[in-house]
Each structure stands twice: as C-alpha cells, then as structure tokens.
Amino acid sequence: MTDSIINISVDEAVELVGAGAFLLDVREMDEWNAGRAPQAAHVPLGTLPDHVSVVPKDSLIVCVCRGGVRSARAAAFLSDLGYETRNLDGGMQAWAAAGYPLKSDEGEPEVI
C-alpha cells in the first residue's frame, strides 16, 4: 500500500501548499497543540476514517506527522479512496529544522 506513496521534501511541501495544496496534519492532539504549520488542518490518524469528509477531494493532499510514518499511512489510505496525496518526508521535525514557521495555542511552538 505505501509503495505507491510519493514522499516530498519540506521545500516541495511548502511550494505545493503555497500553490493551493491541502496540508493535513495527522498527529495526536498534544503534538498539534505544541506546534504546527500555520496553514495545516488537523485530523488525527486514528480518526481519519471517520472524518475523511473534511479532506477536500479536489485538492492535492500533503500529509504530515512528526517524522513521516503516520502521514505515509494517511497518504496511502486517502490514495486508496481516490485522493491525490503526497507524504512530507521527515514530517514536522524536518519542517521545524528547515526553519519554516510554527504556531501554537500556548507558549513557544515546538515539535514534540
């Protein structure tokens, strides 16, 4: 299933999101609250089957998690449903390491 997943770099993800791709963060709530990409939408991986309706069918979906494993599962799941997906290789750890902005509801944003 994940053999067909296309992994992309942080720079590619930022470019795609800037061009209109939907950034889907599938991490758990504590990870999301600690720090996230400002333009991301949040649906934890475990709840994705029940909330797939919030993912736009007419957009490229860039999936992200902490390191890239859960988001690869999300990308494969959505791809099987007919979505066009990409997986952010290295996840939010790579995002933060590259210096792209993070936001948090409380305190200084960080990737946990």
PDB file of N, CA and C in Angstrom:
ATOM      1  N   MET A   1       0.829  -1.194   0.000  1.00  0.00           N
ATOM      2  CA  MET A   1       0.000   0.000   0.000  1.00  0.00           C
ATOM      3  C   MET A   1       0.873   1.258   0.000  1.00  0.00           C
ATOM      4  N   THR A   2       1.863   1.360   0.891  1.00  0.00           N
ATOM      5  CA  THR A   2       2.678   2.573   0.971  1.00  0.00           C
ATOM      6  C   THR A   2       3.741   2.621  -0.119  1.00  0.00           C
ATOM      7  N   ASP A   3       3.888   1.553  -0.944  1.00  0.00           N
ATOM      8  CA  ASP A   3       4.870   1.559  -2.016  1.00  0.00           C
ATOM      9  C   ASP A   3       4.573   2.636  -3.043  1.00  0.00           C
ATOM     10  N   SER A   4       3.311   2.988  -3.201  1.00  0.00           N
ATOM     11  CA  SER A   4       2.924   3.966  -4.206  1.00  0.00           C
ATOM     12  C   SER A   4       2.918   5.398  -3.666  1.00  0.00           C
ATOM     13  N   ILE A   5       3.261   5.568  -2.414  1.00  0.00           N
ATOM     14  CA  ILE A   5       3.246   6.897  -1.805  1.00  0.00           C
ATOM     15  C   ILE A   5       4.428   7.709  -2.320  1.00  0.00           C
ATOM     16  N   ILE A   6       4.157   8.946  -2.674  1.00  0.00           N
ATOM     17  CA  ILE A   6       5.201   9.853  -3.124  1.00  0.00           C
ATOM     18  C   ILE A   6       5.643  10.703  -1.935  1.00  0.00           C
ATOM     19  N   ASN A   7       6.902  10.544  -1.546  1.00  0.00           N
ATOM     20  CA  ASN A   7       7.487  11.341  -0.471  1.00  0.00           C
ATOM     21  C   ASN A   7       8.061  12.618  -1.063  1.00  0.00           C
ATOM     22  N   ILE A   8       7.854  13.722  -0.358  1.00  0.00           N
ATOM     23  CA  ILE A   8       8.371  15.003  -0.817  1.00  0.00           C
ATOM     24  C   ILE A   8       9.142  15.684   0.303  1.00  0.00           C
ATOM     25  N   SER A   9      10.010  16.601  -0.094  1.00  0.00           N
ATOM     26  CA  SER A   9      10.804  17.359   0.878  1.00  0.00           C
ATOM     27  C   SER A   9       9.965  18.475   1.482  1.00  0.00           C
ATOM     28  N   VAL A  10      10.504  19.077   2.520  1.00  0.00           N
ATOM     29  CA  VAL A  10       9.840  20.215   3.149  1.00  0.00           C
ATOM     30  C   VAL A  10       9.670  21.354   2.145  1.00  0.00           C
ATOM     31  N   ASP A  11      10.712  21.645   1.403  1.00  0.00           N
ATOM     32  CA  ASP A  11      10.630  22.738   0.431  1.00  0.00           C
ATOM     33  C   ASP A  11       9.546  22.464  -0.614  1.00  0.00           C
ATOM     34  N   GLU A  12       9.465  21.214  -1.077  1.00  0.00           N
ATOM     35  CA  GLU A  12       8.412  20.859  -2.035  1.00  0.00           C
ATOM     36  C   GLU A  12       7.034  21.011  -1.404  1.00  0.00           C
ATOM     37  N   ALA A  13       6.907  20.590  -0.149  1.00  0.00           N
ATOM     38  CA  ALA A  13       5.618  20.704   0.540  1.00  0.00           C
ATOM     39  C   ALA A  13       5.196  22.160   0.671  1.00  0.00           C
ATOM     40  N   VAL A  14       6.117  23.019   1.067  1.00  0.00           N
ATOM     41  CA  VAL A  14       5.813  24.442   1.222  1.00  0.00           C
ATOM     42  C   VAL A  14       5.383  25.028  -0.120  1.00  0.00           C
ATOM     43  N   GLU A  15       6.079  24.654  -1.181  1.00  0.00           N
ATOM     44  CA  GLU A  15       5.725  25.139  -2.522  1.00  0.00           C
ATOM     45  C   GLU A  15       4.319  24.666  -2.926  1.00  0.00           C
ATOM     46  N   LEU A  16       4.032  23.391  -2.685  1.00  0.00           N
ATOM     47  CA  LEU A  16       2.718  22.851  -3.047  1.00  0.00           C
ATOM     48  C   LEU A  16       1.599  23.500  -2.236  1.00  0.00           C
ATOM     49  N   VAL A  17       1.825  23.664  -0.939  1.00  0.00           N
ATOM     50  CA  VAL A  17       0.807  24.294  -0.084  1.00  0.00           C
ATOM     51  C   VAL A  17       0.601  25.751  -0.510  1.00  0.00           C
ATOM     52  N   GLY A  18       1.682  26.418  -0.854  1.00  0.00           N
ATOM     53  CA  GLY A  18       1.578  27.788  -1.342  1.00  0.00           C
ATOM     54  C   GLY A  18       0.788  27.896  -2.634  1.00  0.00           C
ATOM     55  N   ALA A  19       0.798  26.806  -3.409  1.00  0.00           N
ATOM     56  CA  ALA A  19       0.062  26.769  -4.676  1.00  0.00           C
ATOM     57  C   ALA A  19      -1.356  26.236  -4.510  1.00  0.00           C
ATOM     58  N   GLY A  20      -1.760  25.941  -3.263  1.00  0.00           N
ATOM     59  CA  GLY A  20      -3.136  25.530  -3.017  1.00  0.00           C
ATOM     60  C   GLY A  20      -3.350  24.124  -2.500  1.00  0.00           C
ATOM     61  N   ALA A  21      -2.280  23.354  -2.303  1.00  0.00           N
ATOM     62  CA  ALA A  21      -2.449  22.009  -1.746  1.00  0.00           C
ATOM     63  C   ALA A  21      -2.966  22.110  -0.307  1.00  0.00           C
ATOM     64  N   PHE A  22      -3.655  21.084   0.143  1.00  0.00           N
ATOM     65  CA  PHE A  22      -4.234  20.996   1.475  1.00  0.00           C
ATOM     66  C   PHE A  22      -3.242  20.279   2.374  1.00  0.00           C
ATOM     67  N   LEU A  23      -2.776  20.935   3.429  1.00  0.00           N
ATOM     68  CA  LEU A  23      -1.812  20.354   4.365  1.00  0.00           C
ATOM     69  C   LEU A  23      -2.575  19.696   5.504  1.00  0.00           C
ATOM     70  N   LEU A  24      -2.481  18.378   5.593  1.00  0.00           N
ATOM     71  CA  LEU A  24      -3.217  17.590   6.580  1.00  0.00           C
ATOM     72  C   LEU A  24      -2.268  17.037   7.632  1.00  0.00           C
ATOM     73  N   ASP A  25      -2.407  17.512   8.857  1.00  0.00           N
ATOM     74  CA  ASP A  25      -1.588  17.069   9.987  1.00  0.00           C
ATOM     75  C   ASP A  25      -2.340  15.950  10.704  1.00  0.00           C
ATOM     76  N   VAL A  26      -1.730  14.764  10.774  1.00  0.00           N
ATOM     77  CA  VAL A  26      -2.412  13.594  11.349  1.00  0.00           C
ATOM     78  C   VAL A  26      -1.854  13.199  12.714  1.00  0.00           C
ATOM     79  N   ARG A  27      -1.148  14.120  13.367  1.00  0.00           N
ATOM     80  CA  ARG A  27      -0.589  13.822  14.684  1.00  0.00           C
ATOM     81  C   ARG A  27      -1.675  13.865  15.756  1.00  0.00           C
ATOM     82  N   GLU A  28      -1.298  13.428  16.941  1.00  0.00           N
ATOM     83  CA  GLU A  28      -2.214  13.452  18.084  1.00  0.00           C
ATOM     84  C   GLU A  28      -2.386  14.887  18.592  1.00  0.00           C
ATOM     85  N   MET A  29      -3.417  15.101  19.383  1.00  0.00           N
ATOM     86  CA  MET A  29      -3.772  16.439  19.840  1.00  0.00           C
ATOM     87  C   MET A  29      -2.643  17.132  20.605  1.00  0.00           C
ATOM     88  N   ASP A  30      -1.924  16.412  21.468  1.00  0.00           N
ATOM     89  CA  ASP A  30      -0.843  17.054  22.219  1.00  0.00           C
ATOM     90  C   ASP A  30       0.278  17.524  21.291  1.00  0.00           C
ATOM     91  N   GLU A  31       0.558  16.758  20.248  1.00  0.00           N
ATOM     92  CA  GLU A  31       1.574  17.153  19.276  1.00  0.00           C
ATOM     93  C   GLU A  31       1.111  18.393  18.498  1.00  0.00           C
ATOM     94  N   TRP A  32      -0.146  18.381  18.084  1.00  0.00           N
ATOM     95  CA  TRP A  32      -0.743  19.502  17.354  1.00  0.00           C
ATOM     96  C   TRP A  32      -0.707  20.774  18.190  1.00  0.00           C
ATOM     97  N   ASN A  33      -1.113  20.658  19.458  1.00  0.00           N
ATOM     98  CA  ASN A  33      -1.151  21.824  20.340  1.00  0.00           C
ATOM     99  C   ASN A  33       0.235  22.404  20.596  1.00  0.00           C
ATOM    100  N   ALA A  34       1.252  21.547  20.643  1.00  0.00           N
ATOM    101  CA  ALA A  34       2.616  22.005  20.935  1.00  0.00           C
ATOM    102  C   ALA A  34       3.185  22.865  19.810  1.00  0.00           C
ATOM    103  N   GLY A  35       2.902  22.491  18.569  1.00  0.00           N
ATOM    104  CA  GLY A  35       3.414  23.264  17.448  1.00  0.00           C
ATOM    105  C   GLY A  35       3.020  22.644  16.131  1.00  0.00           C
ATOM    106  N   ARG A  36       2.592  23.501  15.200  1.00  0.00           N
ATOM    107  CA  ARG A  36       2.101  23.027  13.909  1.00  0.00           C
ATOM    108  C   ARG A  36       2.374  24.067  12.833  1.00  0.00           C
ATOM    109  N   ALA A  37       2.253  23.638  11.598  1.00  0.00           N
ATOM    110  CA  ALA A  37       2.343  24.571  10.475  1.00  0.00           C
ATOM    111  C   ALA A  37       1.105  25.458  10.504  1.00  0.00           C
ATOM    112  N   PRO A  38       1.263  26.759  10.322  1.00  0.00           N
ATOM    113  CA  PRO A  38       0.125  27.673  10.424  1.00  0.00           C
ATOM    114  C   PRO A  38      -1.042  27.346   9.491  1.00  0.00           C
ATOM    115  N   GLN A  39      -0.768  26.801   8.322  1.00  0.00           N
ATOM    116  CA  GLN A  39      -1.830  26.547   7.350  1.00  0.00           C
ATOM    117  C   GLN A  39      -2.393  25.123   7.403  1.00  0.00           C
ATOM    118  N   ALA A  40      -1.972  24.335   8.362  1.00  0.00           N
ATOM    119  CA  ALA A  40      -2.393  22.932   8.433  1.00  0.00           C
ATOM    120  C   ALA A  40      -3.807  22.773   8.979  1.00  0.00           C
ATOM    121  N   ALA A  41      -4.446  21.698   8.533  1.00  0.00           N
ATOM    122  CA  ALA A  41      -5.709  21.228   9.107  1.00  0.00           C
ATOM    123  C   ALA A  41      -5.383  19.984   9.918  1.00  0.00           C
ATOM    124  N   HIS A  42      -6.151  19.729  10.959  1.00  0.00           N
ATOM    125  CA  HIS A  42      -5.835  18.644  11.888  1.00  0.00           C
ATOM    126  C   HIS A  42      -6.909  17.572  11.897  1.00  0.00           C
ATOM    127  N   VAL A  43      -6.492  16.345  11.590  1.00  0.00           N
ATOM    128  CA  VAL A  43      -7.330  15.159  11.759  1.00  0.00           C
ATOM    129  C   VAL A  43      -6.385  14.048  12.208  1.00  0.00           C
ATOM    130  N   PRO A  44      -6.402  13.670  13.484  1.00  0.00           N
ATOM    131  CA  PRO A  44      -5.515  12.598  13.940  1.00  0.00           C
ATOM    132  C   PRO A  44      -5.713  11.321  13.114  1.00  0.00           C
ATOM    133  N   LEU A  45      -4.632  10.622  12.860  1.00  0.00           N
ATOM    134  CA  LEU A  45      -4.671   9.430  12.011  1.00  0.00           C
ATOM    135  C   LEU A  45      -5.751   8.449  12.447  1.00  0.00           C
ATOM    136  N   GLY A  46      -5.873   8.212  13.745  1.00  0.00           N
ATOM    137  CA  GLY A  46      -6.850   7.243  14.240  1.00  0.00           C
ATOM    138  C   GLY A  46      -8.295   7.615  13.963  1.00  0.00           C
ATOM    139  N   THR A  47      -8.542   8.892  13.716  1.00  0.00           N
ATOM    140  CA  THR A  47      -9.909   9.338  13.449  1.00  0.00           C
ATOM    141  C   THR A  47     -10.153   9.649  11.973  1.00  0.00           C
ATOM    142  N   LEU A  48      -9.126   9.526  11.156  1.00  0.00           N
ATOM    143  CA  LEU A  48      -9.254   9.893   9.746  1.00  0.00           C
ATOM    144  C   LEU A  48     -10.385   9.160   9.024  1.00  0.00           C
ATOM    145  N   PRO A  49     -10.561   7.851   9.203  1.00  0.00           N
ATOM    146  CA  PRO A  49     -11.675   7.197   8.504  1.00  0.00           C
ATOM    147  C   PRO A  49     -13.039   7.804   8.837  1.00  0.00           C
ATOM    148  N   ASP A  50     -13.205   8.292  10.047  1.00  0.00           N
ATOM    149  CA  ASP A  50     -14.481   8.885  10.453  1.00  0.00           C
ATOM    150  C   ASP A  50     -14.614  10.353  10.054  1.00  0.00           C
ATOM    151  N   HIS A  51     -13.509  10.994   9.669  1.00  0.00           N
ATOM    152  CA  HIS A  51     -13.532  12.424   9.360  1.00  0.00           C
ATOM    153  C   HIS A  51     -12.984  12.729   7.964  1.00  0.00           C
ATOM    154  N   VAL A  52     -12.965  11.743   7.101  1.00  0.00           N
ATOM    155  CA  VAL A  52     -12.418  11.945   5.761  1.00  0.00           C
ATOM    156  C   VAL A  52     -13.199  13.015   4.992  1.00  0.00           C
ATOM    157  N   SER A  53     -14.415  13.268   5.390  1.00  0.00           N
ATOM    158  CA  SER A  53     -15.234  14.270   4.693  1.00  0.00           C
ATOM    159  C   SER A  53     -14.664  15.683   4.809  1.00  0.00           C
ATOM    160  N   VAL A  54     -13.789  15.946   5.772  1.00  0.00           N
ATOM    161  CA  VAL A  54     -13.204  17.287   5.897  1.00  0.00           C
ATOM    162  C   VAL A  54     -12.024  17.478   4.949  1.00  0.00           C
ATOM    163  N   VAL A  55     -11.587  16.403   4.315  1.00  0.00           N
ATOM    164  CA  VAL A  55     -10.459  16.476   3.389  1.00  0.00           C
ATOM    165  C   VAL A  55     -11.009  16.734   1.986  1.00  0.00           C
ATOM    166  N   PRO A  56     -10.607  17.848   1.367  1.00  0.00           N
ATOM    167  CA  PRO A  56     -11.152  18.184   0.059  1.00  0.00           C
ATOM    168  C   PRO A  56     -10.711  17.210  -1.030  1.00  0.00           C
ATOM    169  N   LYS A  57     -11.652  16.720  -1.787  1.00  0.00           N
ATOM    170  CA  LYS A  57     -11.376  15.746  -2.834  1.00  0.00           C
ATOM    171  C   LYS A  57     -10.715  16.399  -4.054  1.00  0.00           C
ATOM    172  N   ASP A  58     -10.913  17.713  -4.210  1.00  0.00           N
ATOM    173  CA  ASP A  58     -10.432  18.404  -5.410  1.00  0.00           C
ATOM    174  C   ASP A  58      -9.076  19.093  -5.214  1.00  0.00           C
ATOM    175  N   SER A  59      -8.364  18.768  -4.158  1.00  0.00           N
ATOM    176  CA  SER A  59      -7.047  19.359  -3.897  1.00  0.00           C
ATOM    177  C   SER A  59      -6.007  18.259  -3.732  1.00  0.00           C
ATOM    178  N   LEU A  60      -4.781  18.593  -4.036  1.00  0.00           N
ATOM    179  CA  LEU A  60      -3.669  17.721  -3.685  1.00  0.00           C
ATOM    180  C   LEU A  60      -3.553  17.747  -2.164  1.00  0.00           C
ATOM    181  N   ILE A  61      -3.386  16.584  -1.541  1.00  0.00           N
ATOM    182  CA  ILE A  61      -3.292  16.486  -0.085  1.00  0.00           C
ATOM    183  C   ILE A  61      -1.842  16.186   0.293  1.00  0.00           C
ATOM    184  N   VAL A  62      -1.250  17.066   1.095  1.00  0.00           N
ATOM    185  CA  VAL A  62       0.087  16.838   1.640  1.00  0.00           C
ATOM    186  C   VAL A  62      -0.108  16.413   3.090  1.00  0.00           C
ATOM    187  N   CYS A  63       0.259  15.173   3.379  1.00  0.00           N
ATOM    188  CA  CYS A  63       0.087  14.618   4.728  1.00  0.00           C
ATOM    189  C   CYS A  63       1.371  14.802   5.526  1.00  0.00           C
ATOM    190  N   VAL A  64       1.198  15.144   6.815  1.00  0.00           N
ATOM    191  CA  VAL A  64       2.352  15.361   7.682  1.00  0.00           C
ATOM    192  C   VAL A  64       2.067  14.816   9.076  1.00  0.00           C
ATOM    193  N   CYS A  65       3.106  14.287   9.711  1.00  0.00           N
ATOM    194  CA  CYS A  65       3.048  13.878  11.116  1.00  0.00           C
ATOM    195  C   CYS A  65       4.359  14.335  11.757  1.00  0.00           C
ATOM    196  N   ARG A  66       4.805  13.669  12.765  1.00  0.00           N
ATOM    197  CA  ARG A  66       6.043  14.080  13.435  1.00  0.00           C
ATOM    198  C   ARG A  66       7.269  13.752  12.585  1.00  0.00           C
ATOM    199  N   GLY A  67       7.328  12.510  12.074  1.00  0.00           N
ATOM    200  CA  GLY A  67       8.509  12.079  11.335  1.00  0.00           C
ATOM    201  C   GLY A  67       8.264  11.515   9.950  1.00  0.00           C
ATOM    202  N   GLY A  68       7.019  11.260   9.597  1.00  0.00           N
ATOM    203  CA  GLY A  68       6.694  10.792   8.255  1.00  0.00           C
ATOM    204  C   GLY A  68       6.071   9.415   8.158  1.00  0.00           C
ATOM    205  N   VAL A  69       6.011   8.669   9.251  1.00  0.00           N
ATOM    206  CA  VAL A  69       5.465   7.307   9.193  1.00  0.00           C
ATOM    207  C   VAL A  69       3.934   7.317   9.218  1.00  0.00           C
ATOM    208  N   ARG A  70       3.351   7.999  10.198  1.00  0.00           N
ATOM    209  CA  ARG A  70       1.883   8.045  10.272  1.00  0.00           C
ATOM    210  C   ARG A  70       1.295   8.753   9.061  1.00  0.00           C
ATOM    211  N   SER A  71       1.973   9.800   8.618  1.00  0.00           N
ATOM    212  CA  SER A  71       1.461  10.528   7.456  1.00  0.00           C
ATOM    213  C   SER A  71       1.530   9.681   6.190  1.00  0.00           C
ATOM    214  N   ALA A  72       2.510   8.777   6.099  1.00  0.00           N
ATOM    215  CA  ALA A  72       2.561   7.856   4.953  1.00  0.00           C
ATOM    216  C   ALA A  72       1.341   6.937   4.976  1.00  0.00           C
ATOM    217  N   ARG A  73       0.950   6.503   6.161  1.00  0.00           N
ATOM    218  CA  ARG A  73      -0.269   5.678   6.281  1.00  0.00           C
ATOM    219  C   ARG A  73      -1.497   6.473   5.860  1.00  0.00           C
ATOM    220  N   ALA A  74      -1.563   7.724   6.305  1.00  0.00           N
ATOM    221  CA  ALA A  74      -2.694   8.579   5.933  1.00  0.00           C
ATOM    222  C   ALA A  74      -2.723   8.800   4.425  1.00  0.00           C
ATOM    223  N   ALA A  75      -1.565   9.066   3.837  1.00  0.00           N
ATOM    224  CA  ALA A  75      -1.493   9.284   2.394  1.00  0.00           C
ATOM    225  C   ALA A  75      -1.939   8.033   1.635  1.00  0.00           C
ATOM    226  N   ALA A  76      -1.516   6.861   2.102  1.00  0.00           N
ATOM    227  CA  ALA A  76      -1.922   5.607   1.456  1.00  0.00           C
ATOM    228  C   ALA A  76      -3.424   5.390   1.585  1.00  0.00           C
ATOM    229  N   PHE A  77      -3.962   5.623   2.768  1.00  0.00           N
ATOM    230  CA  PHE A  77      -5.400   5.476   2.999  1.00  0.00           C
ATOM    231  C   PHE A  77      -6.189   6.389   2.060  1.00  0.00           C
ATOM    232  N   LEU A  78      -5.806   7.661   2.021  1.00  0.00           N
ATOM    233  CA  LEU A  78      -6.520   8.616   1.172  1.00  0.00           C
ATOM    234  C   LEU A  78      -6.334   8.298  -0.306  1.00  0.00           C
ATOM    235  N   SER A  79      -5.153   7.866  -0.680  1.00  0.00           N
ATOM    236  CA  SER A  79      -4.892   7.481  -2.067  1.00  0.00           C
ATOM    237  C   SER A  79      -5.805   6.330  -2.493  1.00  0.00           C
ATOM    238  N   ASP A  80      -5.987   5.373  -1.597  1.00  0.00           N
ATOM    239  CA  ASP A  80      -6.887   4.248  -1.881  1.00  0.00           C
ATOM    240  C   ASP A  80      -8.328   4.709  -2.084  1.00  0.00           C
ATOM    241  N   LEU A  81      -8.669   5.871  -1.513  1.00  0.00           N
ATOM    242  CA  LEU A  81     -10.015   6.430  -1.672  1.00  0.00           C
ATOM    243  C   LEU A  81     -10.114   7.354  -2.887  1.00  0.00           C
ATOM    244  N   GLY A  82      -9.022   7.495  -3.622  1.00  0.00           N
ATOM    245  CA  GLY A  82      -9.054   8.299  -4.832  1.00  0.00           C
ATOM    246  C   GLY A  82      -8.472   9.692  -4.714  1.00  0.00           C
ATOM    247  N   TYR A  83      -7.922  10.033  -3.555  1.00  0.00           N
ATOM    248  CA  TYR A  83      -7.290  11.337  -3.369  1.00  0.00           C
ATOM    249  C   TYR A  83      -5.896  11.331  -3.992  1.00  0.00           C
ATOM    250  N   GLU A  84      -5.443  12.495  -4.436  1.00  0.00           N
ATOM    251  CA  GLU A  84      -4.065  12.661  -4.869  1.00  0.00           C
ATOM    252  C   GLU A  84      -3.283  13.126  -3.646  1.00  0.00           C
ATOM    253  N   THR A  85      -2.284  12.360  -3.242  1.00  0.00           N
ATOM    254  CA  THR A  85      -1.587  12.634  -1.987  1.00  0.00           C
ATOM    255  C   THR A  85      -0.072  12.682  -2.157  1.00  0.00           C
ATOM    256  N   ARG A  86       0.547  13.344  -1.190  1.00  0.00           N
ATOM    257  CA  ARG A  86       1.998  13.345  -1.021  1.00  0.00           C
ATOM    258  C   ARG A  86       2.262  13.206   0.474  1.00  0.00           C
ATOM    259  N   ASN A  87       3.409  12.617   0.805  1.00  0.00           N
ATOM    260  CA  ASN A  87       3.820  12.472   2.197  1.00  0.00           C
ATOM    261  C   ASN A  87       5.032  13.359   2.448  1.00  0.00           C
ATOM    262  N   LEU A  88       4.951  14.176   3.488  1.00  0.00           N
ATOM    263  CA  LEU A  88       6.075  15.049   3.852  1.00  0.00           C
ATOM    264  C   LEU A  88       7.138  14.215   4.560  1.00  0.00           C
ATOM    265  N   ASP A  89       8.193  13.908   3.845  1.00  0.00           N
ATOM    266  CA  ASP A  89       9.282  13.093   4.366  1.00  0.00           C
ATOM    267  C   ASP A  89       9.975  13.838   5.503  1.00  0.00           C
ATOM    268  N   GLY A  90      10.062  13.212   6.654  1.00  0.00           N
ATOM    269  CA  GLY A  90      10.683  13.837   7.825  1.00  0.00           C
ATOM    270  C   GLY A  90       9.705  14.595   8.697  1.00  0.00           C
ATOM    271  N   GLY A  91       8.487  14.780   8.200  1.00  0.00           N
ATOM    272  CA  GLY A  91       7.409  15.363   8.984  1.00  0.00           C
ATOM    273  C   GLY A  91       7.692  16.735   9.563  1.00  0.00           C
ATOM    274  N   MET A  92       7.026  17.015  10.672  1.00  0.00           N
ATOM    275  CA  MET A  92       7.161  18.315  11.327  1.00  0.00           C
ATOM    276  C   MET A  92       8.553  18.521  11.898  1.00  0.00           C
ATOM    277  N   GLN A  93       9.271  17.439  12.169  1.00  0.00           N
ATOM    278  CA  GLN A  93      10.660  17.591  12.613  1.00  0.00           C
ATOM    279  C   GLN A  93      11.482  18.235  11.496  1.00  0.00           C
ATOM    280  N   ALA A  94      11.290  17.782  10.271  1.00  0.00           N
ATOM    281  CA  ALA A  94      12.001  18.362   9.132  1.00  0.00           C
ATOM    282  C   ALA A  94      11.530  19.791   8.876  1.00  0.00           C
ATOM    283  N   TRP A  95      10.230  20.019   9.036  1.00  0.00           N
ATOM    284  CA  TRP A  95       9.654  21.363   8.853  1.00  0.00           C
ATOM    285  C   TRP A  95      10.342  22.360   9.802  1.00  0.00           C
ATOM    286  N   ALA A  96      10.390  21.996  11.078  1.00  0.00           N
ATOM    287  CA  ALA A  96      10.994  22.880  12.083  1.00  0.00           C
ATOM    288  C   ALA A  96      12.494  23.042  11.837  1.00  0.00           C
ATOM    289  N   ALA A  97      13.176  21.955  11.490  1.00  0.00           N
ATOM    290  CA  ALA A  97      14.619  22.016  11.243  1.00  0.00           C
ATOM    291  C   ALA A  97      14.953  22.921  10.061  1.00  0.00           C
ATOM    292  N   ALA A  98      14.039  23.004   9.093  1.00  0.00           N
ATOM    293  CA  ALA A  98      14.252  23.851   7.925  1.00  0.00           C
ATOM    294  C   ALA A  98      13.934  25.321   8.217  1.00  0.00           C
ATOM    295  N   GLY A  99      13.398  25.590   9.401  1.00  0.00           N
ATOM    296  CA  GLY A  99      13.132  26.967   9.799  1.00  0.00           C
ATOM    297  C   GLY A  99      11.794  27.526   9.347  1.00  0.00           C
ATOM    298  N   TYR A 100      10.907  26.659   8.881  1.00  0.00           N
ATOM    299  CA  TYR A 100       9.581  27.147   8.488  1.00  0.00           C
ATOM    300  C   TYR A 100       8.757  27.454   9.737  1.00  0.00           C
ATOM    301  N   PRO A 101       7.794  28.360   9.618  1.00  0.00           N
ATOM    302  CA  PRO A 101       7.067  28.819  10.809  1.00  0.00           C
ATOM    303  C   PRO A 101       6.231  27.728  11.471  1.00  0.00           C
ATOM    304  N   LEU A 102       6.143  27.858  12.783  1.00  0.00           N
ATOM    305  CA  LEU A 102       5.288  27.010  13.609  1.00  0.00           C
ATOM    306  C   LEU A 102       4.349  27.915  14.386  1.00  0.00           C
ATOM    307  N   LYS A 103       3.195  27.394  14.717  1.00  0.00           N
ATOM    308  CA  LYS A 103       2.301  28.140  15.592  1.00  0.00           C
ATOM    309  C   LYS A 103       1.804  27.204  16.678  1.00  0.00           C
ATOM    310  N   SER A 104       1.413  27.800  17.783  1.00  0.00           N
ATOM    311  CA  SER A 104       0.946  27.056  18.936  1.00  0.00           C
ATOM    312  C   SER A 104      -0.161  27.855  19.590  1.00  0.00           C
ATOM    313  N   ASP A 105      -1.054  27.167  20.291  1.00  0.00           N
ATOM    314  CA  ASP A 105      -2.122  27.862  21.007  1.00  0.00           C
ATOM    315  C   ASP A 105      -1.609  28.475  22.299  1.00  0.00           C
ATOM    316  N   GLU A 106      -0.558  27.890  22.851  1.00  0.00           N
ATOM    317  CA  GLU A 106       0.005  28.371  24.105  1.00  0.00           C
ATOM    318  C   GLU A 106       1.515  28.288  24.085  1.00  0.00           C
ATOM    319  N   GLY A 107       2.175  29.337  24.487  1.00  0.00           N
ATOM    320  CA  GLY A 107       3.620  29.307  24.640  1.00  0.00           C
ATOM    321  C   GLY A 107       4.378  29.245  23.328  1.00  0.00           C
ATOM    322  N   GLU A 108       5.658  28.993  23.448  1.00  0.00           N
ATOM    323  CA  GLU A 108       6.553  28.906  22.293  1.00  0.00           C
ATOM    324  C   GLU A 108       6.285  27.598  21.546  1.00  0.00           C
ATOM    325  N   PRO A 109       6.025  27.667  20.232  1.00  0.00           N
ATOM    326  CA  PRO A 109       5.745  26.428  19.491  1.00  0.00           C
ATOM    327  C   PRO A 109       6.967  25.527  19.393  1.00  0.00           C
ATOM    328  N   GLU A 110       6.713  24.232  19.479  1.00  0.00           N
ATOM    329  CA  GLU A 110       7.771  23.226  19.340  1.00  0.00           C
ATOM    330  C   GLU A 110       7.167  21.972  18.752  1.00  0.00           C
ATOM    331  N   VAL A 111       8.022  21.133  18.206  1.00  0.00           N
ATOM    332  CA  VAL A 111       7.586  19.842  17.662  1.00  0.00           C
ATOM    333  C   VAL A 111       7.906  18.779  18.704  1.00  0.00           C
ATOM    334  N   ILE A 112       6.871  18.094  19.172  1.00  0.00           N
ATOM    335  CA  ILE A 112       7.104  17.008  20.133  1.00  0.00           C
ATOM    336  C   ILE A 112       6.711  15.685  19.521  1.00  0.00           C
TER     337      ILE A 112
END
